[in-house]
PDB file of N, CA and C in Angstrom:
ATOM      1  N   MET A   1       0.846  -1.177   0.000  1.00  0.00           N
ATOM      2  CA  MET A   1       0.000   0.000   0.000  1.00  0.00           C
ATOM      3  C   MET A   1       0.889   1.236   0.000  1.00  0.00           C
ATOM      4  N   ARG A   2       0.533   2.182  -0.827  1.00  0.00           N
ATOM      5  CA  ARG A   2       1.296   3.421  -0.907  1.00  0.00           C
ATOM      6  C   ARG A   2       0.969   4.314   0.281  1.00  0.00           C
ATOM      7  N   ALA A   3       1.961   5.023   0.776  1.00  0.00           N
ATOM      8  CA  ALA A   3       1.767   5.902   1.926  1.00  0.00           C
ATOM      9  C   ALA A   3       0.758   7.006   1.620  1.00  0.00           C
ATOM     10  N   SER A   4       0.646   7.420   0.375  1.00  0.00           N
ATOM     11  CA  SER A   4      -0.273   8.502   0.025  1.00  0.00           C
ATOM     12  C   SER A   4      -1.737   8.123   0.222  1.00  0.00           C
ATOM     13  N   THR A   5      -2.058   6.832   0.277  1.00  0.00           N
ATOM     14  CA  THR A   5      -3.441   6.419   0.520  1.00  0.00           C
ATOM     15  C   THR A   5      -3.801   6.511   1.996  1.00  0.00           C
ATOM     16  N   LEU A   6      -2.818   6.582   2.874  1.00  0.00           N
ATOM     17  CA  LEU A   6      -3.067   6.738   4.309  1.00  0.00           C
ATOM     18  C   LEU A   6      -3.164   8.239   4.594  1.00  0.00           C
ATOM     19  N   ARG A   7      -4.326   8.820   4.310  1.00  0.00           N
ATOM     20  CA  ARG A   7      -4.454  10.274   4.369  1.00  0.00           C
ATOM     21  C   ARG A   7      -5.315  10.791   5.514  1.00  0.00           C
ATOM     22  N   HIS A   8      -5.844   9.896   6.340  1.00  0.00           N
ATOM     23  CA  HIS A   8      -6.673  10.300   7.476  1.00  0.00           C
ATOM     24  C   HIS A   8      -5.871  10.153   8.768  1.00  0.00           C
ATOM     25  N   ARG A   9      -5.749  11.226   9.536  1.00  0.00           N
ATOM     26  CA  ARG A   9      -5.052  11.170  10.827  1.00  0.00           C
ATOM     27  C   ARG A   9      -6.074  10.739  11.875  1.00  0.00           C
ATOM     28  N   VAL A  10      -5.903   9.550  12.436  1.00  0.00           N
ATOM     29  CA  VAL A  10      -6.875   8.994  13.376  1.00  0.00           C
ATOM     30  C   VAL A  10      -6.223   8.763  14.737  1.00  0.00           C
ATOM     31  N   LYS A  11      -7.081   8.674  15.752  1.00  0.00           N
ATOM     32  CA  LYS A  11      -6.628   8.351  17.108  1.00  0.00           C
ATOM     33  C   LYS A  11      -7.062   6.931  17.432  1.00  0.00           C
ATOM     34  N   LEU A  12      -6.162   6.175  18.025  1.00  0.00           N
ATOM     35  CA  LEU A  12      -6.493   4.845  18.529  1.00  0.00           C
ATOM     36  C   LEU A  12      -6.744   4.994  20.022  1.00  0.00           C
ATOM     37  N   GLN A  13      -7.846   4.457  20.500  1.00  0.00           N
ATOM     38  CA  GLN A  13      -8.207   4.586  21.909  1.00  0.00           C
ATOM     39  C   GLN A  13      -8.527   3.224  22.505  1.00  0.00           C
ATOM     40  N   GLU A  14      -8.168   3.072  23.794  1.00  0.00           N
ATOM     41  CA  GLU A  14      -8.533   1.863  24.530  1.00  0.00           C
ATOM     42  C   GLU A  14      -9.343   2.262  25.746  1.00  0.00           C
ATOM     43  N   VAL A  15     -10.223   1.368  26.167  1.00  0.00           N
ATOM     44  CA  VAL A  15     -11.082   1.649  27.310  1.00  0.00           C
ATOM     45  C   VAL A  15     -10.318   1.353  28.600  1.00  0.00           C
ATOM     46  N   VAL A  16     -10.506   2.241  29.581  1.00  0.00           N
ATOM     47  CA  VAL A  16      -9.880   2.077  30.890  1.00  0.00           C
ATOM     48  C   VAL A  16     -10.990   2.138  31.932  1.00  0.00           C
ATOM     49  N   CYS A  17     -11.075   1.115  32.773  1.00  0.00           N
ATOM     50  CA  CYS A  17     -12.072   1.084  33.834  1.00  0.00           C
ATOM     51  C   CYS A  17     -11.414   1.536  35.134  1.00  0.00           C
ATOM     52  N   SER A  18     -12.084   2.455  35.822  1.00  0.00           N
ATOM     53  CA  SER A  18     -11.557   2.916  37.113  1.00  0.00           C
ATOM     54  C   SER A  18     -12.659   2.813  38.157  1.00  0.00           C
ATOM     55  N   ALA A  19     -12.260   2.469  39.372  1.00  0.00           N
ATOM     56  CA  ALA A  19     -13.225   2.302  40.454  1.00  0.00           C
ATOM     57  C   ALA A  19     -13.754   3.655  40.891  1.00  0.00           C
ATOM     58  N   ASP A  20     -15.039   3.686  41.197  1.00  0.00           N
ATOM     59  CA  ASP A  20     -15.670   4.890  41.706  1.00  0.00           C
ATOM     60  C   ASP A  20     -15.111   5.184  43.097  1.00  0.00           C
ATOM     61  N   THR A  21     -14.923   6.453  43.432  1.00  0.00           N
ATOM     62  CA  THR A  21     -14.337   6.827  44.729  1.00  0.00           C
ATOM     63  C   THR A  21     -15.218   6.420  45.900  1.00  0.00           C
ATOM     64  N   LYS A  22     -16.512   6.250  45.671  1.00  0.00           N
ATOM     65  CA  LYS A  22     -17.426   5.858  46.746  1.00  0.00           C
ATOM     66  C   LYS A  22     -17.681   4.358  46.758  1.00  0.00           C
ATOM     67  N   GLY A  23     -17.000   3.622  45.903  1.00  0.00           N
ATOM     68  CA  GLY A  23     -17.162   2.181  45.860  1.00  0.00           C
ATOM     69  C   GLY A  23     -18.469   1.721  45.259  1.00  0.00           C
ATOM     70  N   ALA A  24     -19.137   2.603  44.542  1.00  0.00           N
ATOM     71  CA  ALA A  24     -20.440   2.273  43.977  1.00  0.00           C
ATOM     72  C   ALA A  24     -20.344   1.570  42.627  1.00  0.00           C
ATOM     73  N   GLY A  25     -19.166   1.400  42.099  1.00  0.00           N
ATOM     74  CA  GLY A  25     -19.024   0.762  40.797  1.00  0.00           C
ATOM     75  C   GLY A  25     -17.780   1.274  40.093  1.00  0.00           C
ATOM     76  N   SER A  26     -17.787   1.173  38.807  1.00  0.00           N
ATOM     77  CA  SER A  26     -16.637   1.651  38.048  1.00  0.00           C
ATOM     78  C   SER A  26     -17.112   2.497  36.874  1.00  0.00           C
ATOM     79  N   THR A  27     -16.202   3.323  36.386  1.00  0.00           N
ATOM     80  CA  THR A  27     -16.514   4.145  35.229  1.00  0.00           C
ATOM     81  C   THR A  27     -15.550   3.793  34.106  1.00  0.00           C
ATOM     82  N   GLU A  28     -16.049   3.899  32.887  1.00  0.00           N
ATOM     83  CA  GLU A  28     -15.220   3.619  31.720  1.00  0.00           C
ATOM     84  C   GLU A  28     -14.844   4.930  31.043  1.00  0.00           C
ATOM     85  N   THR A  29     -13.574   5.085  30.758  1.00  0.00           N
ATOM     86  CA  THR A  29     -13.098   6.231  29.998  1.00  0.00           C
ATOM     87  C   THR A  29     -12.215   5.726  28.871  1.00  0.00           C
ATOM     88  N   TRP A  30     -12.084   6.531  27.828  1.00  0.00           N
ATOM     89  CA  TRP A  30     -11.279   6.147  26.675  1.00  0.00           C
ATOM     90  C   TRP A  30      -9.963   6.895  26.720  1.00  0.00           C
ATOM     91  N   LEU A  31      -8.872   6.157  26.624  1.00  0.00           N
ATOM     92  CA  LEU A  31      -7.523   6.709  26.685  1.00  0.00           C
ATOM     93  C   LEU A  31      -6.869   6.592  25.313  1.00  0.00           C
ATOM     94  N   GLU A  32      -6.313   7.696  24.839  1.00  0.00           N
ATOM     95  CA  GLU A  32      -5.637   7.675  23.538  1.00  0.00           C
ATOM     96  C   GLU A  32      -4.312   6.933  23.662  1.00  0.00           C
ATOM     97  N   ILE A  33      -4.097   5.953  22.791  1.00  0.00           N
ATOM     98  CA  ILE A  33      -2.852   5.188  22.828  1.00  0.00           C
ATOM     99  C   ILE A  33      -1.921   5.522  21.677  1.00  0.00           C
ATOM    100  N   ALA A  34      -2.472   6.114  20.603  1.00  0.00           N
ATOM    101  CA  ALA A  34      -1.610   6.486  19.473  1.00  0.00           C
ATOM    102  C   ALA A  34      -2.391   7.338  18.482  1.00  0.00           C
ATOM    103  N   LYS A  35      -1.639   8.112  17.690  1.00  0.00           N
ATOM    104  CA  LYS A  35      -2.186   8.803  16.528  1.00  0.00           C
ATOM    105  C   LYS A  35      -1.455   8.249  15.324  1.00  0.00           C
ATOM    106  N   VAL A  36      -2.214   7.813  14.331  1.00  0.00           N
ATOM    107  CA  VAL A  36      -1.616   7.189  13.146  1.00  0.00           C
ATOM    108  C   VAL A  36      -2.310   7.682  11.888  1.00  0.00           C
ATOM    109  N   TRP A  37      -1.670   7.462  10.753  1.00  0.00           N
ATOM    110  CA  TRP A  37      -2.275   7.745   9.458  1.00  0.00           C
ATOM    111  C   TRP A  37      -2.980   6.482   8.983  1.00  0.00           C
ATOM    112  N   ALA A  38      -4.174   6.656   8.423  1.00  0.00           N
ATOM    113  CA  ALA A  38      -4.971   5.503   8.009  1.00  0.00           C
ATOM    114  C   ALA A  38      -5.765   5.834   6.752  1.00  0.00           C
ATOM    115  N   SER A  39      -6.265   4.789   6.133  1.00  0.00           N
ATOM    116  CA  SER A  39      -7.172   4.890   4.992  1.00  0.00           C
ATOM    117  C   SER A  39      -8.543   4.443   5.472  1.00  0.00           C
ATOM    118  N   ILE A  40      -9.580   5.249   5.206  1.00  0.00           N
ATOM    119  CA  ILE A  40     -10.944   4.917   5.610  1.00  0.00           C
ATOM    120  C   ILE A  40     -11.789   4.771   4.352  1.00  0.00           C
ATOM    121  N   THR A  41     -12.340   3.574   4.151  1.00  0.00           N
ATOM    122  CA  THR A  41     -13.135   3.295   2.959  1.00  0.00           C
ATOM    123  C   THR A  41     -14.520   2.803   3.373  1.00  0.00           C
ATOM    124  N   PRO A  42     -15.587   3.511   2.976  1.00  0.00           N
ATOM    125  CA  PRO A  42     -16.939   3.025   3.287  1.00  0.00           C
ATOM    126  C   PRO A  42     -17.232   1.733   2.536  1.00  0.00           C
ATOM    127  N   ILE A  43     -17.921   0.809   3.210  1.00  0.00           N
ATOM    128  CA  ILE A  43     -18.290  -0.462   2.584  1.00  0.00           C
ATOM    129  C   ILE A  43     -19.798  -0.545   2.380  1.00  0.00           C
ATOM    130  N   SER A  44     -20.568  -0.296   3.457  1.00  0.00           N
ATOM    131  CA  SER A  44     -22.019  -0.393   3.334  1.00  0.00           C
ATOM    132  C   SER A  44     -22.684   0.434   4.424  1.00  0.00           C
ATOM    133  N   ALA A  45     -23.984   0.621   4.264  1.00  0.00           N
ATOM    134  CA  ALA A  45     -24.771   1.344   5.256  1.00  0.00           C
ATOM    135  C   ALA A  45     -26.083   0.592   5.465  1.00  0.00           C
ATOM    136  N   LEU A  46     -26.573   0.635   6.690  1.00  0.00           N
ATOM    137  CA  LEU A  46     -27.821  -0.042   7.030  1.00  0.00           C
ATOM    138  C   LEU A  46     -28.646   0.908   7.885  1.00  0.00           C
ATOM    139  N   GLU A  47     -29.895   1.073   7.529  1.00  0.00           N
ATOM    140  CA  GLU A  47     -30.786   1.930   8.291  1.00  0.00           C
ATOM    141  C   GLU A  47     -31.947   1.081   8.796  1.00  0.00           C
ATOM    142  N   ARG A  48     -32.267   1.227  10.088  1.00  0.00           N
ATOM    143  CA  ARG A  48     -33.376   0.463  10.651  1.00  0.00           C
ATOM    144  C   ARG A  48     -34.041   1.269  11.762  1.00  0.00           C
ATOM    145  N   VAL A  49     -35.259   0.874  12.081  1.00  0.00           N
ATOM    146  CA  VAL A  49     -35.990   1.517  13.167  1.00  0.00           C
ATOM    147  C   VAL A  49     -35.997   0.550  14.340  1.00  0.00           C
ATOM    148  N   GLU A  50     -35.505   1.045  15.475  1.00  0.00           N
ATOM    149  CA  GLU A  50     -35.432   0.230  16.676  1.00  0.00           C
ATOM    150  C   GLU A  50     -35.988   1.039  17.838  1.00  0.00           C
ATOM    151  N   SER A  51     -36.974   0.519  18.533  1.00  0.00           N
ATOM    152  CA  SER A  51     -37.613   1.215  19.653  1.00  0.00           C
ATOM    153  C   SER A  51     -38.099   2.602  19.240  1.00  0.00           C
ATOM    154  N   ASN A  52     -38.746   2.669  18.101  1.00  0.00           N
ATOM    155  CA  ASN A  52     -39.281   3.909  17.543  1.00  0.00           C
ATOM    156  C   ASN A  52     -38.223   4.975  17.278  1.00  0.00           C
ATOM    157  N   ALA A  53     -36.996   4.566  17.126  1.00  0.00           N
ATOM    158  CA  ALA A  53     -35.917   5.506  16.812  1.00  0.00           C
ATOM    159  C   ALA A  53     -35.162   5.001  15.588  1.00  0.00           C
ATOM    160  N   ARG A  54     -34.878   5.898  14.693  1.00  0.00           N
ATOM    161  CA  ARG A  54     -34.118   5.543  13.492  1.00  0.00           C
ATOM    162  C   ARG A  54     -32.653   5.366  13.860  1.00  0.00           C
ATOM    163  N   GLN A  55     -32.075   4.276  13.424  1.00  0.00           N
ATOM    164  CA  GLN A  55     -30.675   4.002  13.741  1.00  0.00           C
ATOM    165  C   GLN A  55     -29.944   3.610  12.467  1.00  0.00           C
ATOM    166  N   GLU A  56     -28.833   4.269  12.236  1.00  0.00           N
ATOM    167  CA  GLU A  56     -28.026   3.969  11.067  1.00  0.00           C
ATOM    168  C   GLU A  56     -26.724   3.312  11.503  1.00  0.00           C
ATOM    169  N   THR A  57     -26.317   2.294  10.787  1.00  0.00           N
ATOM    170  CA  THR A  57     -25.042   1.647  11.019  1.00  0.00           C
ATOM    171  C   THR A  57     -24.257   1.704   9.719  1.00  0.00           C
ATOM    172  N   ILE A  58     -23.096   2.265   9.790  1.00  0.00           N
ATOM    173  CA  ILE A  58     -22.251   2.364   8.606  1.00  0.00           C
ATOM    174  C   ILE A  58     -20.993   1.555   8.858  1.00  0.00           C
ATOM    175  N   THR A  59     -20.677   0.677   7.937  1.00  0.00           N
ATOM    176  CA  THR A  59     -19.470  -0.114   8.085  1.00  0.00           C
ATOM    177  C   THR A  59     -18.408   0.400   7.137  1.00  0.00           C
ATOM    178  N   HIS A  60     -17.188   0.353   7.617  1.00  0.00           N
ATOM    179  CA  HIS A  60     -16.044   0.840   6.860  1.00  0.00           C
ATOM    180  C   HIS A  60     -14.908  -0.171   6.954  1.00  0.00           C
ATOM    181  N   GLU A  61     -13.967   0.010   6.088  1.00  0.00           N
ATOM    182  CA  GLU A  61     -12.711  -0.719   6.162  1.00  0.00           C
ATOM    183  C   GLU A  61     -11.633   0.324   6.430  1.00  0.00           C
ATOM    184  N   ILE A  62     -10.873   0.125   7.488  1.00  0.00           N
ATOM    185  CA  ILE A  62      -9.788   1.041   7.835  1.00  0.00           C
ATOM    186  C   ILE A  62      -8.481   0.273   7.741  1.00  0.00           C
ATOM    187  N   THR A  63      -7.527   0.845   7.026  1.00  0.00           N
ATOM    188  CA  THR A  63      -6.214   0.230   6.856  1.00  0.00           C
ATOM    189  C   THR A  63      -5.165   1.168   7.415  1.00  0.00           C
ATOM    190  N   MET A  64      -4.209   0.623   8.135  1.00  0.00           N
ATOM    191  CA  MET A  64      -3.123   1.415   8.712  1.00  0.00           C
ATOM    192  C   MET A  64      -1.896   0.540   8.875  1.00  0.00           C
ATOM    193  N   ARG A  65      -0.792   1.155   9.225  1.00  0.00           N
ATOM    194  CA  ARG A  65       0.421   0.382   9.496  1.00  0.00           C
ATOM    195  C   ARG A  65       0.210  -0.472  10.743  1.00  0.00           C
ATOM    196  N   TYR A  66       0.913  -1.568  10.825  1.00  0.00           N
ATOM    197  CA  TYR A  66       0.748  -2.565  11.889  1.00  0.00           C
ATOM    198  C   TYR A  66       0.979  -1.966  13.275  1.00  0.00           C
ATOM    199  N   LYS A  67       0.069  -2.251  14.197  1.00  0.00           N
ATOM    200  CA  LYS A  67       0.196  -1.903  15.621  1.00  0.00           C
ATOM    201  C   LYS A  67      -0.135  -3.157  16.408  1.00  0.00           C
ATOM    202  N   SER A  68       0.823  -3.673  17.152  1.00  0.00           N
ATOM    203  CA  SER A  68       0.610  -4.943  17.850  1.00  0.00           C
ATOM    204  C   SER A  68      -0.362  -4.830  19.019  1.00  0.00           C
ATOM    205  N   GLN A  69      -0.465  -3.648  19.650  1.00  0.00           N
ATOM    206  CA  GLN A  69      -1.294  -3.537  20.850  1.00  0.00           C
ATOM    207  C   GLN A  69      -2.782  -3.355  20.552  1.00  0.00           C
ATOM    208  N   LEU A  70      -3.168  -3.212  19.318  1.00  0.00           N
ATOM    209  CA  LEU A  70      -4.557  -2.968  18.957  1.00  0.00           C
ATOM    210  C   LEU A  70      -5.393  -4.240  19.071  1.00  0.00           C
ATOM    211  N   THR A  71      -6.587  -4.135  19.690  1.00  0.00           N
ATOM    212  CA  THR A  71      -7.500  -5.266  19.825  1.00  0.00           C
ATOM    213  C   THR A  71      -8.900  -4.847  19.374  1.00  0.00           C
ATOM    214  N   SER A  72      -9.790  -5.795  19.284  1.00  0.00           N
ATOM    215  CA  SER A  72     -11.155  -5.478  18.875  1.00  0.00           C
ATOM    216  C   SER A  72     -11.952  -4.781  19.984  1.00  0.00           C
ATOM    217  N   ALA A  73     -11.400  -4.664  21.181  1.00  0.00           N
ATOM    218  CA  ALA A  73     -12.045  -3.914  22.259  1.00  0.00           C
ATOM    219  C   ALA A  73     -11.745  -2.421  22.153  1.00  0.00           C
ATOM    220  N   ASP A  74     -10.813  -2.043  21.283  1.00  0.00           N
ATOM    221  CA  ASP A  74     -10.415  -0.653  21.116  1.00  0.00           C
ATOM    222  C   ASP A  74     -11.319   0.032  20.092  1.00  0.00           C
ATOM    223  N   ARG A  75     -11.103   1.322  19.910  1.00  0.00           N
ATOM    224  CA  ARG A  75     -11.867   2.057  18.914  1.00  0.00           C
ATOM    225  C   ARG A  75     -10.969   3.060  18.193  1.00  0.00           C
ATOM    226  N   ILE A  76     -11.482   3.579  17.079  1.00  0.00           N
ATOM    227  CA  ILE A  76     -10.755   4.543  16.264  1.00  0.00           C
ATOM    228  C   ILE A  76     -11.596   5.802  16.179  1.00  0.00           C
ATOM    229  N   VAL A  77     -10.954   6.950  16.374  1.00  0.00           N
ATOM    230  CA  VAL A  77     -11.647   8.228  16.321  1.00  0.00           C
ATOM    231  C   VAL A  77     -11.048   9.057  15.195  1.00  0.00           C
ATOM    232  N   TYR A  78     -11.920   9.583  14.332  1.00  0.00           N
ATOM    233  CA  TYR A  78     -11.500  10.474  13.252  1.00  0.00           C
ATOM    234  C   TYR A  78     -12.372  11.715  13.350  1.00  0.00           C
ATOM    235  N   GLY A  79     -11.821  12.797  13.840  1.00  0.00           N
ATOM    236  CA  GLY A  79     -12.610  14.012  14.083  1.00  0.00           C
ATOM    237  C   GLY A  79     -13.650  13.726  15.140  1.00  0.00           C
ATOM    238  N   SER A  80     -14.922  13.942  14.798  1.00  0.00           N
ATOM    239  CA  SER A  80     -16.004  13.654  15.744  1.00  0.00           C
ATOM    240  C   SER A  80     -16.622  12.277  15.498  1.00  0.00           C
ATOM    241  N   ARG A  81     -16.077  11.538  14.559  1.00  0.00           N
ATOM    242  CA  ARG A  81     -16.605  10.216  14.204  1.00  0.00           C
ATOM    243  C   ARG A  81     -15.908   9.127  15.021  1.00  0.00           C
ATOM    244  N   ILE A  82     -16.697   8.173  15.506  1.00  0.00           N
ATOM    245  CA  ILE A  82     -16.173   7.076  16.315  1.00  0.00           C
ATOM    246  C   ILE A  82     -16.456   5.764  15.605  1.00  0.00           C
ATOM    247  N   PHE A  83     -15.410   4.961  15.438  1.00  0.00           N
ATOM    248  CA  PHE A  83     -15.517   3.667  14.772  1.00  0.00           C
ATOM    249  C   PHE A  83     -15.199   2.563  15.781  1.00  0.00           C
ATOM    250  N   ASN A  84     -16.138   1.658  15.994  1.00  0.00           N
ATOM    251  CA  ASN A  84     -15.916   0.499  16.859  1.00  0.00           C
ATOM    252  C   ASN A  84     -15.327  -0.624  16.017  1.00  0.00           C
ATOM    253  N   ILE A  85     -14.224  -1.190  16.484  1.00  0.00           N
ATOM    254  CA  ILE A  85     -13.551  -2.247  15.736  1.00  0.00           C
ATOM    255  C   ILE A  85     -14.315  -3.551  15.909  1.00  0.00           C
ATOM    256  N   LYS A  86     -14.697  -4.143  14.788  1.00  0.00           N
ATOM    257  CA  LYS A  86     -15.404  -5.424  14.810  1.00  0.00           C
ATOM    258  C   LYS A  86     -14.480  -6.590  14.504  1.00  0.00           C
ATOM    259  N   GLN A  87     -13.525  -6.374  13.617  1.00  0.00           N
ATOM    260  CA  GLN A  87     -12.604  -7.451  13.245  1.00  0.00           C
ATOM    261  C   GLN A  87     -11.288  -6.849  12.769  1.00  0.00           C
ATOM    262  N   ILE A  88     -10.189  -7.456  13.185  1.00  0.00           N
ATOM    263  CA  ILE A  88      -8.859  -7.027  12.756  1.00  0.00           C
ATOM    264  C   ILE A  88      -8.267  -8.111  11.871  1.00  0.00           C
ATOM    265  N   LEU A  89      -7.853  -7.718  10.695  1.00  0.00           N
ATOM    266  CA  LEU A  89      -7.246  -8.647   9.753  1.00  0.00           C
ATOM    267  C   LEU A  89      -5.786  -8.275   9.566  1.00  0.00           C
ATOM    268  N   ASN A  90      -4.941  -9.273   9.507  1.00  0.00           N
ATOM    269  CA  ASN A  90      -3.523  -9.045   9.237  1.00  0.00           C
ATOM    270  C   ASN A  90      -3.180  -9.854   7.995  1.00  0.00           C
ATOM    271  N   PRO A  91      -3.460  -9.271   6.821  1.00  0.00           N
ATOM    272  CA  PRO A  91      -3.219 -10.046   5.600  1.00  0.00           C
ATOM    273  C   PRO A  91      -1.746 -10.400   5.447  1.00  0.00           C
ATOM    274  N   ASP A  92      -1.488 -11.589   5.048  1.00  0.00           N
ATOM    275  CA  ASP A  92      -0.142 -12.110   4.792  1.00  0.00           C
ATOM    276  C   ASP A  92       0.705 -12.281   6.057  1.00  0.00           C
ATOM    277  N   TYR A  93       0.213 -11.899   7.219  1.00  0.00           N
ATOM    278  CA  TYR A  93       0.921 -12.067   8.495  1.00  0.00           C
ATOM    279  C   TYR A  93       2.352 -11.530   8.456  1.00  0.00           C
ATOM    280  N   ARG A  94       2.532 -10.407   7.808  1.00  0.00           N
ATOM    281  CA  ARG A  94       3.866  -9.819   7.708  1.00  0.00           C
ATOM    282  C   ARG A  94       4.110  -8.714   8.717  1.00  0.00           C
ATOM    283  N   ASN A  95       3.113  -8.391   9.520  1.00  0.00           N
ATOM    284  CA  ASN A  95       3.224  -7.315  10.494  1.00  0.00           C
ATOM    285  C   ASN A  95       3.611  -5.992   9.850  1.00  0.00           C
ATOM    286  N   GLU A  96       3.041  -5.750   8.664  1.00  0.00           N
ATOM    287  CA  GLU A  96       3.277  -4.490   7.966  1.00  0.00           C
ATOM    288  C   GLU A  96       2.031  -3.615   7.989  1.00  0.00           C
ATOM    289  N   MET A  97       0.882  -4.191   7.647  1.00  0.00           N
ATOM    290  CA  MET A  97      -0.361  -3.438   7.579  1.00  0.00           C
ATOM    291  C   MET A  97      -1.472  -4.209   8.301  1.00  0.00           C
ATOM    292  N   LEU A  98      -2.437  -3.439   8.824  1.00  0.00           N
ATOM    293  CA  LEU A  98      -3.638  -4.022   9.414  1.00  0.00           C
ATOM    294  C   LEU A  98      -4.845  -3.499   8.651  1.00  0.00           C
ATOM    295  N   THR A  99      -5.782  -4.363   8.412  1.00  0.00           N
ATOM    296  CA  THR A  99      -7.060  -3.964   7.850  1.00  0.00           C
ATOM    297  C   THR A  99      -8.117  -4.304   8.884  1.00  0.00           C
ATOM    298  N   MET A 100      -8.969  -3.322   9.192  1.00  0.00           N
ATOM    299  CA  MET A 100      -9.997  -3.521  10.206  1.00  0.00           C
ATOM    300  C   MET A 100     -11.367  -3.289   9.615  1.00  0.00           C
ATOM    301  N   LEU A 101     -12.308  -4.119   9.998  1.00  0.00           N
ATOM    302  CA  LEU A 101     -13.706  -3.898   9.671  1.00  0.00           C
ATOM    303  C   LEU A 101     -14.306  -3.219  10.883  1.00  0.00           C
ATOM    304  N   VAL A 102     -14.880  -2.033  10.676  1.00  0.00           N
ATOM    305  CA  VAL A 102     -15.369  -1.218  11.783  1.00  0.00           C
ATOM    306  C   VAL A 102     -16.819  -0.832  11.561  1.00  0.00           C
ATOM    307  N   GLU A 103     -17.441  -0.367  12.630  1.00  0.00           N
ATOM    308  CA  GLU A 103     -18.837   0.039  12.571  1.00  0.00           C
ATOM    309  C   GLU A 103     -18.952   1.441  13.150  1.00  0.00           C
ATOM    310  N   GLU A 104     -19.617   2.297  12.417  1.00  0.00           N
ATOM    311  CA  GLU A 104     -19.886   3.673  12.888  1.00  0.00           C
ATOM    312  C   GLU A 104     -21.374   3.826  13.045  1.00  0.00           C
ATOM    313  N   LYS A 105     -21.822   4.228  14.237  1.00  0.00           N
ATOM    314  CA  LYS A 105     -23.250   4.459  14.459  1.00  0.00           C
ATOM    315  C   LYS A 105     -23.481   5.960  14.488  1.00  0.00           C
ATOM    316  N   ILE A 106     -24.521   6.348  13.761  1.00  0.00           N
ATOM    317  CA  ILE A 106     -24.836   7.779  13.683  1.00  0.00           C
ATOM    318  C   ILE A 106     -26.128   8.049  14.412  1.00  0.00           C
TER     319      ILE A 106
END
């Protein structure tokens, strides 16, 4: 893949759980682990009505240079858009590039 196709500057985030100070439970916050260049390609969109509310799900393919610490529990942020990672693919197992199937809910 040519570097010029990686034109979106994205943030990789992981969830961090911390205990509530009053012991009532825990809170989840997202911590930025890296900023990388990536390619974002739309694949499909699905619109449905759930509980009398319109819900759109857009799936994309995101490609970036290999990051070993990335898991499907993490997410990708591009501007105000949030992409939940559904599947991570490592084609050819060369640890050069990662392709991820992600879901964006609007």
